[in-house]
Amino acid sequence: MKINPLDDRIVVKADDAEETTAGGIVLPDAAKEKPQRGTVVAVGPGRLLDSGERASISVEVGDKVLFGKYGGTEIEVDGEEVKILRESDILAKVV
């Protein structure tokens, strides 16, 4: 199934949570933090402005991004977990 987000929404596939600490301790599933980094999978056309034009979106498919820990909505598509975020939920691009 292909997802086409609407307006200024962006579909992001979150990176896997860290399984070990910097000291090498293996973390159980309950202790893992939610990932805040991911890859953009799909981008909407942009927010509709009062003039009737669409605002451009500052990320593209394939960009690595940082987002808020609890931002967006998590859904499952073809067995994969993805997040749907608004453009304003994205904090930064990773370069």
Protein backbone atom coordinates (compact mmCIF):
# COMPACT_ATOMS: atom_id res chain seq x y z
CA MET A 1 0.00 0.00 0.00
CA LYS A 2 1.27 3.47 -0.85
CA ILE A 3 0.57 6.44 1.42
CA ASN A 4 0.02 9.94 0.05
CA PRO A 5 -0.05 12.35 3.00
CA LEU A 6 -2.28 15.41 2.80
CA ASP A 7 -1.32 19.09 3.23
CA ASP A 8 1.83 19.60 5.33
CA ARG A 9 1.98 16.05 6.68
CA ILE A 10 5.06 13.87 6.36
CA VAL A 11 5.43 10.10 6.74
CA VAL A 12 8.60 9.07 8.62
CA LYS A 13 9.99 5.59 9.29
CA ALA A 14 11.58 5.79 12.73
CA ASP A 15 15.05 4.31 13.28
CA ASP A 16 15.35 1.32 15.59
CA ALA A 17 15.75 2.01 19.31
CA GLU A 18 19.21 1.59 20.81
CA GLU A 19 19.68 -1.92 22.18
CA THR A 20 22.85 -1.29 24.18
CA THR A 21 24.18 1.60 26.25
CA ALA A 22 27.51 3.33 25.59
CA GLY A 23 28.98 1.08 28.29
CA GLY A 24 27.80 -2.07 26.49
CA ILE A 25 24.84 -2.97 28.72
CA VAL A 26 22.01 -4.66 26.78
CA LEU A 27 18.68 -2.92 27.37
CA PRO A 28 15.40 -4.85 27.69
CA ASP A 29 12.46 -3.72 25.52
CA ALA A 30 10.78 -1.94 28.45
CA ALA A 31 13.85 0.25 29.08
CA LYS A 32 14.37 1.37 25.47
CA GLU A 33 13.52 4.98 24.70
CA LYS A 34 11.34 5.90 21.76
CA PRO A 35 13.50 6.83 18.77
CA GLN A 36 13.49 10.50 17.80
CA ARG A 37 15.24 10.04 14.48
CA GLY A 38 13.97 8.66 11.19
CA THR A 39 13.86 8.74 7.41
CA VAL A 40 11.21 10.59 5.39
CA VAL A 41 9.18 8.10 3.34
CA ALA A 42 6.49 10.37 1.84
CA VAL A 43 5.71 14.10 1.76
CA GLY A 44 2.40 15.89 1.25
CA PRO A 45 1.92 18.74 -1.27
CA GLY A 46 2.19 21.49 1.37
CA ARG A 47 -0.15 23.61 3.46
CA LEU A 48 -2.82 25.52 1.55
CA LEU A 49 -2.30 29.27 1.94
CA ASP A 50 -5.04 31.93 2.03
CA SER A 51 -4.05 32.94 -1.51
CA GLY A 52 -4.91 29.44 -2.79
CA GLU A 53 -1.28 28.46 -3.39
CA ARG A 54 0.60 25.69 -1.62
CA ALA A 55 3.50 26.42 0.77
CA SER A 56 6.64 24.45 -0.06
CA ILE A 57 7.80 21.75 2.36
CA SER A 58 11.40 21.91 3.58
CA VAL A 59 12.07 18.14 3.61
CA GLU A 60 12.20 15.59 0.81
CA VAL A 61 11.82 11.82 0.59
CA GLY A 62 15.01 10.19 1.87
CA ASP A 63 15.99 13.00 4.30
CA LYS A 64 17.05 11.99 7.81
CA VAL A 65 15.13 14.04 10.39
CA LEU A 66 14.78 14.55 14.16
CA PHE A 67 11.28 14.80 15.63
CA GLY A 68 9.66 15.12 19.04
CA LYS A 69 9.50 11.98 21.16
CA TYR A 70 5.70 11.96 21.40
CA GLY A 71 4.85 13.89 18.22
CA GLY A 72 2.77 12.56 15.37
CA THR A 73 0.60 9.50 14.99
CA GLU A 74 2.02 5.97 14.78
CA ILE A 75 0.40 3.62 12.26
CA GLU A 76 1.30 0.29 10.65
CA VAL A 77 1.56 0.02 6.86
CA ASP A 78 2.44 -3.31 5.22
CA GLY A 79 3.82 -4.61 8.51
CA GLU A 80 6.06 -1.57 9.09
CA GLU A 81 5.60 1.04 11.83
CA VAL A 82 5.60 4.61 10.49
CA LYS A 83 4.77 8.01 11.96
CA ILE A 84 2.67 10.69 10.32
CA LEU A 85 3.88 14.13 11.43
CA ARG A 86 3.08 17.69 10.55
CA GLU A 87 5.99 19.67 9.13
CA SER A 88 6.04 21.73 12.35
CA ASP A 89 6.65 18.50 14.39
CA ILE A 90 10.01 18.01 12.66
CA LEU A 91 12.78 19.64 14.67
CA ALA A 92 15.75 19.37 12.30
CA LYS A 93 17.32 17.66 9.30
CA VAL A 94 20.35 15.48 9.95
CA VAL A 95 23.19 16.21 7.51
